[in-house]
Amino acid sequence: QVRLVESGGGLVETGGSLSLACAPSVQSFTMNVMGWFRQAPGKERQFVAGINPNGYITYYGDSVRGRATISRDNAKNMVYLQMYSLNPEDTAVYYCAARRARFNDITTDSDTYTYWGQGTQVTVSS
C-alpha cells in the first residue's frame, strides 16, 4: 500500500535547480520525522535530507549540504525538497520516507524509515 507520493522530478540541466514534493496517500504524517533519500543505478540508497515533525530541525547528507533545503507544511501535510547547483552526480530516483510517529530523531539509515513512496526520477544532463 503506497503511503507517500512524490512529485516534481524530471530532466534538469547542470547548474539548475529542482523542487520535489511529497504528499501522503493514506494517512497524515504531520507527527513523523520525514526524509528524502535517493538511489542511483548500481548504488545504495543514500540519505539526502531529513526534517523533524515541527520543521524546526533539519539535517542534510554530506553530498547535498549547502545545496538543498528540506521543508514541510503541516497544514497542507506536505514535505518539500529543493536542490540547487545540480550536477550529473545528483541523477537518481528520489524517495520520500517517514519514520514511525514515536521516533522524533532524524536518522540517515534508510532502514529506520517505515513508510516510503515509489520515487521520482531526477536526471541532470551534463
PDB file of N, CA and C in Angstrom:
ATOM      1  N   GLN A   1       0.839  -1.182   0.000  1.00  0.00           N
ATOM      2  CA  GLN A   1       0.000   0.000   0.000  1.00  0.00           C
ATOM      3  C   GLN A   1       0.885   1.245   0.000  1.00  0.00           C
ATOM      4  N   VAL A   2       0.754   2.051  -1.045  1.00  0.00           N
ATOM      5  CA  VAL A   2       1.556   3.264  -1.148  1.00  0.00           C
ATOM      6  C   VAL A   2       1.044   4.277  -0.149  1.00  0.00           C
ATOM      7  N   ARG A   3       1.940   4.799   0.651  1.00  0.00           N
ATOM      8  CA  ARG A   3       1.530   5.763   1.665  1.00  0.00           C
ATOM      9  C   ARG A   3       2.028   7.174   1.369  1.00  0.00           C
ATOM     10  N   LEU A   4       3.062   7.304   0.573  1.00  0.00           N
ATOM     11  CA  LEU A   4       3.627   8.597   0.229  1.00  0.00           C
ATOM     12  C   LEU A   4       3.754   8.702  -1.287  1.00  0.00           C
ATOM     13  N   VAL A   5       3.544   9.886  -1.810  1.00  0.00           N
ATOM     14  CA  VAL A   5       3.614  10.095  -3.248  1.00  0.00           C
ATOM     15  C   VAL A   5       4.522  11.282  -3.530  1.00  0.00           C
ATOM     16  N   GLU A   6       5.572  11.037  -4.308  1.00  0.00           N
ATOM     17  CA  GLU A   6       6.492  12.094  -4.680  1.00  0.00           C
ATOM     18  C   GLU A   6       6.095  12.690  -6.030  1.00  0.00           C
ATOM     19  N   SER A   7       6.436  13.947  -6.204  1.00  0.00           N
ATOM     20  CA  SER A   7       6.206  14.604  -7.485  1.00  0.00           C
ATOM     21  C   SER A   7       7.289  15.647  -7.698  1.00  0.00           C
ATOM     22  N   GLY A   8       7.463  16.056  -8.948  1.00  0.00           N
ATOM     23  CA  GLY A   8       8.381  17.135  -9.265  1.00  0.00           C
ATOM     24  C   GLY A   8       9.669  16.729  -9.929  1.00  0.00           C
ATOM     25  N   GLY A   9       9.897  15.464 -10.133  1.00  0.00           N
ATOM     26  CA  GLY A   9      11.126  15.048 -10.788  1.00  0.00           C
ATOM     27  C   GLY A   9      11.108  15.377 -12.268  1.00  0.00           C
ATOM     28  N   GLY A  10      12.233  15.106 -12.910  1.00  0.00           N
ATOM     29  CA  GLY A  10      12.312  15.360 -14.340  1.00  0.00           C
ATOM     30  C   GLY A  10      13.739  15.571 -14.781  1.00  0.00           C
ATOM     31  N   LEU A  11      13.892  16.202 -15.933  1.00  0.00           N
ATOM     32  CA  LEU A  11      15.206  16.463 -16.518  1.00  0.00           C
ATOM     33  C   LEU A  11      15.622  17.892 -16.190  1.00  0.00           C
ATOM     34  N   VAL A  12      16.843  18.021 -15.672  1.00  0.00           N
ATOM     35  CA  VAL A  12      17.367  19.323 -15.282  1.00  0.00           C
ATOM     36  C   VAL A  12      18.772  19.474 -15.854  1.00  0.00           C
ATOM     37  N   GLU A  13      19.130  20.654 -16.241  1.00  0.00           N
ATOM     38  CA  GLU A  13      20.475  20.908 -16.749  1.00  0.00           C
ATOM     39  C   GLU A  13      21.449  21.113 -15.588  1.00  0.00           C
ATOM     40  N   THR A  14      22.700  20.784 -15.837  1.00  0.00           N
ATOM     41  CA  THR A  14      23.741  21.039 -14.837  1.00  0.00           C
ATOM     42  C   THR A  14      23.719  22.501 -14.415  1.00  0.00           C
ATOM     43  N   GLY A  15      23.773  22.688 -13.115  1.00  0.00           N
ATOM     44  CA  GLY A  15      23.706  24.035 -12.572  1.00  0.00           C
ATOM     45  C   GLY A  15      22.314  24.509 -12.252  1.00  0.00           C
ATOM     46  N   GLY A  16      21.336  23.732 -12.665  1.00  0.00           N
ATOM     47  CA  GLY A  16      19.943  24.108 -12.432  1.00  0.00           C
ATOM     48  C   GLY A  16      19.457  23.713 -11.058  1.00  0.00           C
ATOM     49  N   SER A  17      18.176  23.866 -10.841  1.00  0.00           N
ATOM     50  CA  SER A  17      17.566  23.544  -9.561  1.00  0.00           C
ATOM     51  C   SER A  17      16.298  22.725  -9.772  1.00  0.00           C
ATOM     52  N   LEU A  18      15.836  22.112  -8.694  1.00  0.00           N
ATOM     53  CA  LEU A  18      14.606  21.344  -8.769  1.00  0.00           C
ATOM     54  C   LEU A  18      13.849  21.447  -7.459  1.00  0.00           C
ATOM     55  N   SER A  19      12.574  21.198  -7.548  1.00  0.00           N
ATOM     56  CA  SER A  19      11.736  21.160  -6.356  1.00  0.00           C
ATOM     57  C   SER A  19      10.924  19.884  -6.374  1.00  0.00           C
ATOM     58  N   LEU A  20      11.025  19.125  -5.320  1.00  0.00           N
ATOM     59  CA  LEU A  20      10.252  17.910  -5.175  1.00  0.00           C
ATOM     60  C   LEU A  20       9.233  18.090  -4.057  1.00  0.00           C
ATOM     61  N   ALA A  21       8.135  17.409  -4.185  1.00  0.00           N
ATOM     62  CA  ALA A  21       7.094  17.450  -3.157  1.00  0.00           C
ATOM     63  C   ALA A  21       6.691  16.039  -2.779  1.00  0.00           C
ATOM     64  N   CYS A  22       6.242  15.900  -1.553  1.00  0.00           N
ATOM     65  CA  CYS A  22       5.831  14.597  -1.035  1.00  0.00           C
ATOM     66  C   CYS A  22       4.507  14.769  -0.306  1.00  0.00           C
ATOM     67  N   ALA A  23       3.555  13.946  -0.660  1.00  0.00           N
ATOM     68  CA  ALA A  23       2.245  14.009  -0.017  1.00  0.00           C
ATOM     69  C   ALA A  23       1.824  12.607   0.387  1.00  0.00           C
ATOM     70  N   PRO A  24       1.161  12.462   1.501  1.00  0.00           N
ATOM     71  CA  PRO A  24       0.676  11.143   1.889  1.00  0.00           C
ATOM     72  C   PRO A  24      -0.534  10.738   1.064  1.00  0.00           C
ATOM     73  N   SER A  25      -0.630   9.459   0.801  1.00  0.00           N
ATOM     74  CA  SER A  25      -1.778   8.964   0.041  1.00  0.00           C
ATOM     75  C   SER A  25      -2.833   8.346   0.940  1.00  0.00           C
ATOM     76  N   VAL A  26      -2.433   7.994   2.161  1.00  0.00           N
ATOM     77  CA  VAL A  26      -3.352   7.270   3.021  1.00  0.00           C
ATOM     78  C   VAL A  26      -3.581   7.968   4.355  1.00  0.00           C
ATOM     79  N   GLN A  27      -2.519   8.431   4.983  1.00  0.00           N
ATOM     80  CA  GLN A  27      -2.661   8.960   6.335  1.00  0.00           C
ATOM     81  C   GLN A  27      -1.848  10.227   6.492  1.00  0.00           C
ATOM     82  N   SER A  28      -2.057  10.928   7.590  1.00  0.00           N
ATOM     83  CA  SER A  28      -1.307  12.127   7.880  1.00  0.00           C
ATOM     84  C   SER A  28       0.058  11.761   8.448  1.00  0.00           C
ATOM     85  N   PHE A  29       1.072  12.541   8.071  1.00  0.00           N
ATOM     86  CA  PHE A  29       2.414  12.322   8.592  1.00  0.00           C
ATOM     87  C   PHE A  29       2.940  13.557   9.308  1.00  0.00           C
ATOM     88  N   THR A  30       2.051  14.373   9.835  1.00  0.00           N
ATOM     89  CA  THR A  30       2.481  15.604  10.492  1.00  0.00           C
ATOM     90  C   THR A  30       3.222  15.340  11.795  1.00  0.00           C
ATOM     91  N   MET A  31       3.086  14.167  12.368  1.00  0.00           N
ATOM     92  CA  MET A  31       3.766  13.825  13.613  1.00  0.00           C
ATOM     93  C   MET A  31       5.026  13.006  13.372  1.00  0.00           C
ATOM     94  N   ASN A  32       5.419  12.846  12.110  1.00  0.00           N
ATOM     95  CA  ASN A  32       6.527  11.960  11.768  1.00  0.00           C
ATOM     96  C   ASN A  32       7.755  12.728  11.306  1.00  0.00           C
ATOM     97  N   VAL A  33       8.920  12.177  11.656  1.00  0.00           N
ATOM     98  CA  VAL A  33      10.151  12.613  11.008  1.00  0.00           C
ATOM     99  C   VAL A  33      10.065  12.199   9.538  1.00  0.00           C
ATOM    100  N   MET A  34      10.382  13.124   8.659  1.00  0.00           N
ATOM    101  CA  MET A  34      10.338  12.852   7.232  1.00  0.00           C
ATOM    102  C   MET A  34      11.741  12.959   6.639  1.00  0.00           C
ATOM    103  N   GLY A  35      11.985  12.160   5.626  1.00  0.00           N
ATOM    104  CA  GLY A  35      13.292  12.192   4.992  1.00  0.00           C
ATOM    105  C   GLY A  35      13.194  12.057   3.489  1.00  0.00           C
ATOM    106  N   TRP A  36      14.226  12.503   2.837  1.00  0.00           N
ATOM    107  CA  TRP A  36      14.404  12.279   1.406  1.00  0.00           C
ATOM    108  C   TRP A  36      15.666  11.434   1.219  1.00  0.00           C
ATOM    109  N   PHE A  37      15.544  10.421   0.390  1.00  0.00           N
ATOM    110  CA  PHE A  37      16.658   9.571   0.020  1.00  0.00           C
ATOM    111  C   PHE A  37      16.745   9.541  -1.501  1.00  0.00           C
ATOM    112  N   ARG A  38      17.859   9.056  -1.994  1.00  0.00           N
ATOM    113  CA  ARG A  38      17.993   8.881  -3.433  1.00  0.00           C
ATOM    114  C   ARG A  38      18.800   7.630  -3.716  1.00  0.00           C
ATOM    115  N   GLN A  39      18.562   7.080  -4.889  1.00  0.00           N
ATOM    116  CA  GLN A  39      19.283   5.887  -5.296  1.00  0.00           C
ATOM    117  C   GLN A  39      19.615   5.974  -6.771  1.00  0.00           C
ATOM    118  N   ALA A  40      20.890   5.955  -7.064  1.00  0.00           N
ATOM    119  CA  ALA A  40      21.366   5.956  -8.445  1.00  0.00           C
ATOM    120  C   ALA A  40      21.571   4.511  -8.889  1.00  0.00           C
ATOM    121  N   PRO A  41      21.546   4.258 -10.179  1.00  0.00           N
ATOM    122  CA  PRO A  41      21.727   2.885 -10.680  1.00  0.00           C
ATOM    123  C   PRO A  41      23.022   2.261 -10.176  1.00  0.00           C
ATOM    124  N   GLY A  42      22.908   1.075  -9.607  1.00  0.00           N
ATOM    125  CA  GLY A  42      24.078   0.357  -9.137  1.00  0.00           C
ATOM    126  C   GLY A  42      24.631   0.841  -7.815  1.00  0.00           C
ATOM    127  N   LYS A  43      23.958   1.782  -7.190  1.00  0.00           N
ATOM    128  CA  LYS A  43      24.444   2.325  -5.922  1.00  0.00           C
ATOM    129  C   LYS A  43      23.422   2.102  -4.817  1.00  0.00           C
ATOM    130  N   GLU A  44      23.879   2.193  -3.581  1.00  0.00           N
ATOM    131  CA  GLU A  44      22.998   2.045  -2.441  1.00  0.00           C
ATOM    132  C   GLU A  44      22.144   3.303  -2.256  1.00  0.00           C
ATOM    133  N   ARG A  45      21.028   3.092  -1.572  1.00  0.00           N
ATOM    134  CA  ARG A  45      20.161   4.232  -1.272  1.00  0.00           C
ATOM    135  C   ARG A  45      20.902   5.188  -0.340  1.00  0.00           C
ATOM    136  N   GLN A  46      20.825   6.471  -0.629  1.00  0.00           N
ATOM    137  CA  GLN A  46      21.611   7.482   0.063  1.00  0.00           C
ATOM    138  C   GLN A  46      20.710   8.515   0.725  1.00  0.00           C
ATOM    139  N   PHE A  47      21.020   8.853   1.960  1.00  0.00           N
ATOM    140  CA  PHE A  47      20.273   9.887   2.675  1.00  0.00           C
ATOM    141  C   PHE A  47      20.546  11.248   2.050  1.00  0.00           C
ATOM    142  N   VAL A  48      19.502  12.018   1.830  1.00  0.00           N
ATOM    143  CA  VAL A  48      19.635  13.355   1.265  1.00  0.00           C
ATOM    144  C   VAL A  48      19.349  14.411   2.333  1.00  0.00           C
ATOM    145  N   ALA A  49      18.195  14.312   2.977  1.00  0.00           N
ATOM    146  CA  ALA A  49      17.807  15.319   3.967  1.00  0.00           C
ATOM    147  C   ALA A  49      16.705  14.776   4.855  1.00  0.00           C
ATOM    148  N   GLY A  50      16.622  15.336   6.065  1.00  0.00           N
ATOM    149  CA  GLY A  50      15.572  14.942   6.990  1.00  0.00           C
ATOM    150  C   GLY A  50      15.050  16.145   7.745  1.00  0.00           C
ATOM    151  N   ILE A  51      13.826  16.035   8.236  1.00  0.00           N
ATOM    152  CA  ILE A  51      13.206  17.137   8.965  1.00  0.00           C
ATOM    153  C   ILE A  51      12.362  16.575  10.090  1.00  0.00           C
ATOM    154  N   ASN A  52      12.393  17.237  11.241  1.00  0.00           N
ATOM    155  CA  ASN A  52      11.635  16.718  12.385  1.00  0.00           C
ATOM    156  C   ASN A  52      10.165  17.124  12.264  1.00  0.00           C
ATOM    157  N   PRO A  53       9.307  16.616  13.127  1.00  0.00           N
ATOM    158  CA  PRO A  53       7.870  16.846  12.939  1.00  0.00           C
ATOM    159  C   PRO A  53       7.448  18.311  12.919  1.00  0.00           C
ATOM    160  N   ASN A  54       8.058  19.175  13.742  1.00  0.00           N
ATOM    161  CA  ASN A  54       7.619  20.576  13.735  1.00  0.00           C
ATOM    162  C   ASN A  54       8.370  21.413  12.709  1.00  0.00           C
ATOM    163  N   GLY A  55       9.321  20.825  12.024  1.00  0.00           N
ATOM    164  CA  GLY A  55      10.039  21.533  10.972  1.00  0.00           C
ATOM    165  C   GLY A  55      11.186  22.404  11.438  1.00  0.00           C
ATOM    166  N   TYR A  56      11.446  22.425  12.726  1.00  0.00           N
ATOM    167  CA  TYR A  56      12.483  23.318  13.259  1.00  0.00           C
ATOM    168  C   TYR A  56      13.886  22.739  13.128  1.00  0.00           C
ATOM    169  N   ILE A  57      13.983  21.433  12.986  1.00  0.00           N
ATOM    170  CA  ILE A  57      15.291  20.779  12.901  1.00  0.00           C
ATOM    171  C   ILE A  57      15.403  20.060  11.561  1.00  0.00           C
ATOM    172  N   THR A  58      16.500  20.344  10.885  1.00  0.00           N
ATOM    173  CA  THR A  58      16.777  19.682   9.613  1.00  0.00           C
ATOM    174  C   THR A  58      18.199  19.140   9.622  1.00  0.00           C
ATOM    175  N   TYR A  59      18.429  18.177   8.757  1.00  0.00           N
ATOM    176  CA  TYR A  59      19.774  17.605   8.650  1.00  0.00           C
ATOM    177  C   TYR A  59      19.965  17.165   7.211  1.00  0.00           C
ATOM    178  N   TYR A  60      21.205  17.339   6.706  1.00  0.00           N
ATOM    179  CA  TYR A  60      21.474  17.053   5.302  1.00  0.00           C
ATOM    180  C   TYR A  60      22.629  16.085   5.140  1.00  0.00           C
ATOM    181  N   GLY A  61      22.561  15.301   4.081  1.00  0.00           N
ATOM    182  CA  GLY A  61      23.666  14.440   3.743  1.00  0.00           C
ATOM    183  C   GLY A  61      24.848  15.250   3.230  1.00  0.00           C
ATOM    184  N   ASP A  62      26.041  14.710   3.376  1.00  0.00           N
ATOM    185  CA  ASP A  62      27.245  15.434   3.001  1.00  0.00           C
ATOM    186  C   ASP A  62      27.243  15.834   1.528  1.00  0.00           C
ATOM    187  N   SER A  63      26.681  14.997   0.688  1.00  0.00           N
ATOM    188  CA  SER A  63      26.739  15.247  -0.748  1.00  0.00           C
ATOM    189  C   SER A  63      25.845  16.396  -1.199  1.00  0.00           C
ATOM    190  N   VAL A  64      24.895  16.812  -0.364  1.00  0.00           N
ATOM    191  CA  VAL A  64      23.983  17.877  -0.769  1.00  0.00           C
ATOM    192  C   VAL A  64      24.003  19.073   0.171  1.00  0.00           C
ATOM    193  N   ARG A  65      24.714  18.951   1.290  1.00  0.00           N
ATOM    194  CA  ARG A  65      24.706  20.031   2.279  1.00  0.00           C
ATOM    195  C   ARG A  65      25.152  21.343   1.621  1.00  0.00           C
ATOM    196  N   GLY A  66      24.371  22.384   1.829  1.00  0.00           N
ATOM    197  CA  GLY A  66      24.655  23.667   1.208  1.00  0.00           C
ATOM    198  C   GLY A  66      23.995  23.844  -0.148  1.00  0.00           C
ATOM    199  N   ARG A  67      23.435  22.763  -0.677  1.00  0.00           N
ATOM    200  CA  ARG A  67      22.774  22.828  -1.992  1.00  0.00           C
ATOM    201  C   ARG A  67      21.318  22.380  -1.921  1.00  0.00           C
ATOM    202  N   ALA A  68      20.831  22.121  -0.720  1.00  0.00           N
ATOM    203  CA  ALA A  68      19.477  21.590  -0.585  1.00  0.00           C
ATOM    204  C   ALA A  68      18.757  22.229   0.587  1.00  0.00           C
ATOM    205  N   THR A  69      17.445  22.268   0.464  1.00  0.00           N
ATOM    206  CA  THR A  69      16.606  22.748   1.556  1.00  0.00           C
ATOM    207  C   THR A  69      15.401  21.833   1.671  1.00  0.00           C
ATOM    208  N   ILE A  70      15.220  21.259   2.846  1.00  0.00           N
ATOM    209  CA  ILE A  70      14.033  20.466   3.112  1.00  0.00           C
ATOM    210  C   ILE A  70      13.094  21.303   3.966  1.00  0.00           C
ATOM    211  N   SER A  71      11.820  21.203   3.693  1.00  0.00           N
ATOM    212  CA  SER A  71      10.834  21.960   4.457  1.00  0.00           C
ATOM    213  C   SER A  71       9.538  21.168   4.504  1.00  0.00           C
ATOM    214  N   ARG A  72       8.649  21.606   5.367  1.00  0.00           N
ATOM    215  CA  ARG A  72       7.357  20.945   5.449  1.00  0.00           C
ATOM    216  C   ARG A  72       6.285  21.977   5.766  1.00  0.00           C
ATOM    217  N   ASP A  73       5.085  21.666   5.334  1.00  0.00           N
ATOM    218  CA  ASP A  73       3.918  22.481   5.626  1.00  0.00           C
ATOM    219  C   ASP A  73       2.891  21.541   6.243  1.00  0.00           C
ATOM    220  N   ASN A  74       2.863  21.482   7.551  1.00  0.00           N
ATOM    221  CA  ASN A  74       1.964  20.531   8.214  1.00  0.00           C
ATOM    222  C   ASN A  74       0.493  20.872   8.008  1.00  0.00           C
ATOM    223  N   ALA A  75       0.198  22.125   7.758  1.00  0.00           N
ATOM    224  CA  ALA A  75      -1.197  22.491   7.487  1.00  0.00           C
ATOM    225  C   ALA A  75      -1.675  21.847   6.184  1.00  0.00           C
ATOM    226  N   LYS A  76      -0.742  21.667   5.246  1.00  0.00           N
ATOM    227  CA  LYS A  76      -1.071  21.033   3.976  1.00  0.00           C
ATOM    228  C   LYS A  76      -0.623  19.581   3.940  1.00  0.00           C
ATOM    229  N   ASN A  77       0.026  19.125   5.017  1.00  0.00           N
ATOM    230  CA  ASN A  77       0.509  17.745   5.081  1.00  0.00           C
ATOM    231  C   ASN A  77       1.460  17.448   3.923  1.00  0.00           C
ATOM    232  N   MET A  78       2.378  18.360   3.681  1.00  0.00           N
ATOM    233  CA  MET A  78       3.308  18.243   2.571  1.00  0.00           C
ATOM    234  C   MET A  78       4.747  18.400   3.058  1.00  0.00           C
ATOM    235  N   VAL A  79       5.659  17.746   2.367  1.00  0.00           N
ATOM    236  CA  VAL A  79       7.089  17.881   2.604  1.00  0.00           C
ATOM    237  C   VAL A  79       7.747  18.213   1.273  1.00  0.00           C
ATOM    238  N   TYR A  80       8.746  19.080   1.309  1.00  0.00           N
ATOM    239  CA  TYR A  80       9.378  19.549   0.078  1.00  0.00           C
ATOM    240  C   TYR A  80      10.891  19.377   0.153  1.00  0.00           C
ATOM    241  N   LEU A  81      11.482  19.249  -1.026  1.00  0.00           N
ATOM    242  CA  LEU A  81      12.936  19.250  -1.143  1.00  0.00           C
ATOM    243  C   LEU A  81      13.292  20.152  -2.314  1.00  0.00           C
ATOM    244  N   GLN A  82      14.102  21.141  -2.033  1.00  0.00           N
ATOM    245  CA  GLN A  82      14.638  21.991  -3.086  1.00  0.00           C
ATOM    246  C   GLN A  82      16.132  21.754  -3.172  1.00  0.00           C
ATOM    247  N   MET A  83      16.630  21.599  -4.381  1.00  0.00           N
ATOM    248  CA  MET A  83      18.053  21.407  -4.591  1.00  0.00           C
ATOM    249  C   MET A  83      18.552  22.389  -5.624  1.00  0.00           C
ATOM    250  N   TYR A  84      19.779  22.847  -5.432  1.00  0.00           N
ATOM    251  CA  TYR A  84      20.363  23.867  -6.287  1.00  0.00           C
ATOM    252  C   TYR A  84      21.713  23.378  -6.815  1.00  0.00           C
ATOM    253  N   SER A  85      22.225  24.092  -7.789  1.00  0.00           N
ATOM    254  CA  SER A  85      23.552  23.777  -8.342  1.00  0.00           C
ATOM    255  C   SER A  85      23.692  22.290  -8.637  1.00  0.00           C
ATOM    256  N   LEU A  86      22.729  21.770  -9.345  1.00  0.00           N
ATOM    257  CA  LEU A  86      22.706  20.339  -9.622  1.00  0.00           C
ATOM    258  C   LEU A  86      23.817  19.944 -10.573  1.00  0.00           C
ATOM    259  N   ASN A  87      24.289  18.721 -10.407  1.00  0.00           N
ATOM    260  CA  ASN A  87      25.288  18.167 -11.305  1.00  0.00           C
ATOM    261  C   ASN A  87      24.881  16.736 -11.655  1.00  0.00           C
ATOM    262  N   PRO A  88      25.509  16.137 -12.645  1.00  0.00           N
ATOM    263  CA  PRO A  88      25.098  14.786 -13.081  1.00  0.00           C
ATOM    264  C   PRO A  88      25.137  13.749 -11.963  1.00  0.00           C
ATOM    265  N   GLU A  89      25.975  13.956 -10.943  1.00  0.00           N
ATOM    266  CA  GLU A  89      26.029  13.003  -9.825  1.00  0.00           C
ATOM    267  C   GLU A  89      24.758  13.038  -8.981  1.00  0.00           C
ATOM    268  N   ASP A  90      23.916  14.022  -9.181  1.00  0.00           N
ATOM    269  CA  ASP A  90      22.637  14.089  -8.478  1.00  0.00           C
ATOM    270  C   ASP A  90      21.548  13.266  -9.183  1.00  0.00           C
ATOM    271  N   THR A  91      21.873  12.721 -10.320  1.00  0.00           N
ATOM    272  CA  THR A  91      20.918  11.901 -11.047  1.00  0.00           C
ATOM    273  C   THR A  91      20.589  10.641 -10.247  1.00  0.00           C
ATOM    274  N   ALA A  92      19.314  10.434  -9.980  1.00  0.00           N
ATOM    275  CA  ALA A  92      18.888   9.298  -9.165  1.00  0.00           C
ATOM    276  C   ALA A  92      17.366   9.285  -9.083  1.00  0.00           C
ATOM    277  N   VAL A  93      16.856   8.204  -8.532  1.00  0.00           N
ATOM    278  CA  VAL A  93      15.452   8.187  -8.129  1.00  0.00           C
ATOM    279  C   VAL A  93      15.391   8.725  -6.710  1.00  0.00           C
ATOM    280  N   TYR A  94      14.552   9.710  -6.501  1.00  0.00           N
ATOM    281  CA  TYR A  94      14.422  10.351  -5.190  1.00  0.00           C
ATOM    282  C   TYR A  94      13.167   9.830  -4.496  1.00  0.00           C
ATOM    283  N   TYR A  95      13.357   9.427  -3.241  1.00  0.00           N
ATOM    284  CA  TYR A  95      12.275   8.844  -2.458  1.00  0.00           C
ATOM    285  C   TYR A  95      11.971   9.695  -1.237  1.00  0.00           C
ATOM    286  N   CYS A  96      10.711   9.790  -0.938  1.00  0.00           N
ATOM    287  CA  CYS A  96      10.248  10.398   0.309  1.00  0.00           C
ATOM    288  C   CYS A  96       9.981   9.267   1.296  1.00  0.00           C
ATOM    289  N   ALA A  97      10.310   9.492   2.556  1.00  0.00           N
ATOM    290  CA  ALA A  97      10.138   8.450   3.563  1.00  0.00           C
ATOM    291  C   ALA A  97       9.729   9.071   4.888  1.00  0.00           C
ATOM    292  N   ALA A  98       9.113   8.253   5.724  1.00  0.00           N
ATOM    293  CA  ALA A  98       8.674   8.710   7.044  1.00  0.00           C
ATOM    294  C   ALA A  98       9.024   7.667   8.099  1.00  0.00           C
ATOM    295  N   ARG A  99       9.438   8.143   9.258  1.00  0.00           N
ATOM    296  CA  ARG A  99       9.657   7.254  10.385  1.00  0.00           C
ATOM    297  C   ARG A  99       8.322   7.060  11.108  1.00  0.00           C
ATOM    298  N   ARG A 100       8.250   6.065  11.919  1.00  0.00           N
ATOM    299  CA  ARG A 100       7.075   5.886  12.774  1.00  0.00           C
ATOM    300  C   ARG A 100       6.952   7.082  13.710  1.00  0.00           C
ATOM    301  N   ALA A 101       5.741   7.458  14.057  1.00  0.00           N
ATOM    302  CA  ALA A 101       5.487   8.683  14.807  1.00  0.00           C
ATOM    303  C   ALA A 101       6.136   8.686  16.191  1.00  0.00           C
ATOM    304  N   ARG A 102       6.439   7.530  16.764  1.00  0.00           N
ATOM    305  CA  ARG A 102       7.011   7.502  18.111  1.00  0.00           C
ATOM    306  C   ARG A 102       8.494   7.893  18.117  1.00  0.00           C
ATOM    307  N   PHE A 103       9.111   8.012  16.939  1.00  0.00           N
ATOM    308  CA  PHE A 103      10.513   8.397  16.853  1.00  0.00           C
ATOM    309  C   PHE A 103      10.609   9.865  16.435  1.00  0.00           C
ATOM    310  N   ASN A 104      11.362  10.668  17.196  1.00  0.00           N
ATOM    311  CA  ASN A 104      11.461  12.094  16.908  1.00  0.00           C
ATOM    312  C   ASN A 104      12.819  12.523  16.375  1.00  0.00           C
ATOM    313  N   ASP A 105      13.750  11.591  16.260  1.00  0.00           N
ATOM    314  CA  ASP A 105      15.080  11.966  15.812  1.00  0.00           C
ATOM    315  C   ASP A 105      15.246  11.689  14.320  1.00  0.00           C
ATOM    316  N   ILE A 106      15.990  12.541  13.682  1.00  0.00           N
ATOM    317  CA  ILE A 106      16.296  12.377  12.264  1.00  0.00           C
ATOM    318  C   ILE A 106      17.447  11.380  12.138  1.00  0.00           C
ATOM    319  N   THR A 107      17.266  10.376  11.351  1.00  0.00           N
ATOM    320  CA  THR A 107      18.313   9.395  11.132  1.00  0.00           C
ATOM    321  C   THR A 107      18.660   9.338   9.646  1.00  0.00           C
ATOM    322  N   THR A 108      19.855   8.858   9.362  1.00  0.00           N
ATOM    323  CA  THR A 108      20.306   8.770   7.976  1.00  0.00           C
ATOM    324  C   THR A 108      20.215   7.358   7.425  1.00  0.00           C
ATOM    325  N   ASP A 109      19.855   6.404   8.272  1.00  0.00           N
ATOM    326  CA  ASP A 109      19.763   4.998   7.879  1.00  0.00           C
ATOM    327  C   ASP A 109      18.376   4.743   7.300  1.00  0.00           C
ATOM    328  N   SER A 110      18.327   4.316   6.058  1.00  0.00           N
ATOM    329  CA  SER A 110      17.036   4.088   5.415  1.00  0.00           C
ATOM    330  C   SER A 110      16.231   2.994   6.105  1.00  0.00           C
ATOM    331  N   ASP A 111      16.903   2.085   6.790  1.00  0.00           N
ATOM    332  CA  ASP A 111      16.191   1.001   7.477  1.00  0.00           C
ATOM    333  C   ASP A 111      15.358   1.505   8.646  1.00  0.00           C
ATOM    334  N   THR A 112      15.610   2.710   9.100  1.00  0.00           N
ATOM    335  CA  THR A 112      14.862   3.265  10.231  1.00  0.00           C
ATOM    336  C   THR A 112      13.609   4.012   9.782  1.00  0.00           C
ATOM    337  N   TYR A 113      13.375   4.062   8.499  1.00  0.00           N
ATOM    338  CA  TYR A 113      12.174   4.691   7.946  1.00  0.00           C
ATOM    339  C   TYR A 113      11.204   3.595   7.526  1.00  0.00           C
ATOM    340  N   THR A 114       9.963   3.750   7.919  1.00  0.00           N
ATOM    341  CA  THR A 114       8.981   2.696   7.731  1.00  0.00           C
ATOM    342  C   THR A 114       8.123   2.885   6.486  1.00  0.00           C
ATOM    343  N   TYR A 115       7.796   4.115   6.195  1.00  0.00           N
ATOM    344  CA  TYR A 115       6.870   4.402   5.097  1.00  0.00           C
ATOM    345  C   TYR A 115       7.636   5.050   3.946  1.00  0.00           C
ATOM    346  N   TRP A 116       7.317   4.619   2.741  1.00  0.00           N
ATOM    347  CA  TRP A 116       8.059   5.067   1.558  1.00  0.00           C
ATOM    348  C   TRP A 116       7.122   5.382   0.406  1.00  0.00           C
ATOM    349  N   GLY A 117       7.601   6.277  -0.440  1.00  0.00           N
ATOM    350  CA  GLY A 117       6.930   6.493  -1.705  1.00  0.00           C
ATOM    351  C   GLY A 117       7.557   5.617  -2.775  1.00  0.00           C
ATOM    352  N   GLN A 118       7.040   5.726  -3.973  1.00  0.00           N
ATOM    353  CA  GLN A 118       7.552   4.908  -5.071  1.00  0.00           C
ATOM    354  C   GLN A 118       8.701   5.585  -5.804  1.00  0.00           C
ATOM    355  N   GLY A 119       8.972   6.834  -5.480  1.00  0.00           N
ATOM    356  CA  GLY A 119      10.112   7.517  -6.046  1.00  0.00           C
ATOM    357  C   GLY A 119       9.786   8.331  -7.284  1.00  0.00           C
ATOM    358  N   THR A 120      10.621   9.321  -7.523  1.00  0.00           N
ATOM    359  CA  THR A 120      10.505  10.144  -8.721  1.00  0.00           C
ATOM    360  C   THR A 120      11.898  10.310  -9.322  1.00  0.00           C
ATOM    361  N   GLN A 121      11.994  10.151 -10.623  1.00  0.00           N
ATOM    362  CA  GLN A 121      13.292  10.195 -11.297  1.00  0.00           C
ATOM    363  C   GLN A 121      13.738  11.632 -11.486  1.00  0.00           C
ATOM    364  N   VAL A 122      14.990  11.883 -11.132  1.00  0.00           N
ATOM    365  CA  VAL A 122      15.630  13.173 -11.414  1.00  0.00           C
ATOM    366  C   VAL A 122      16.865  12.886 -12.263  1.00  0.00           C
ATOM    367  N   THR A 123      16.933  13.509 -13.412  1.00  0.00           N
ATOM    368  CA  THR A 123      18.070  13.335 -14.304  1.00  0.00           C
ATOM    369  C   THR A 123      18.701  14.686 -14.570  1.00  0.00           C
ATOM    370  N   VAL A 124      19.996  14.772 -14.316  1.00  0.00           N
ATOM    371  CA  VAL A 124      20.718  16.023 -14.537  1.00  0.00           C
ATOM    372  C   VAL A 124      21.617  15.826 -15.754  1.00  0.00           C
ATOM    373  N   SER A 125      21.377  16.593 -16.772  1.00  0.00           N
ATOM    374  CA  SER A 125      22.140  16.463 -18.000  1.00  0.00           C
ATOM    375  C   SER A 125      23.434  17.271 -17.907  1.00  0.00           C
ATOM    376  N   SER A 126      24.468  16.713 -18.516  1.00  0.00           N
ATOM    377  CA  SER A 126      25.779  17.382 -18.483  1.00  0.00           C
ATOM    378  C   SER A 126      25.942  18.345 -19.633  1.00  0.00           C
TER     379      SER A 126
END
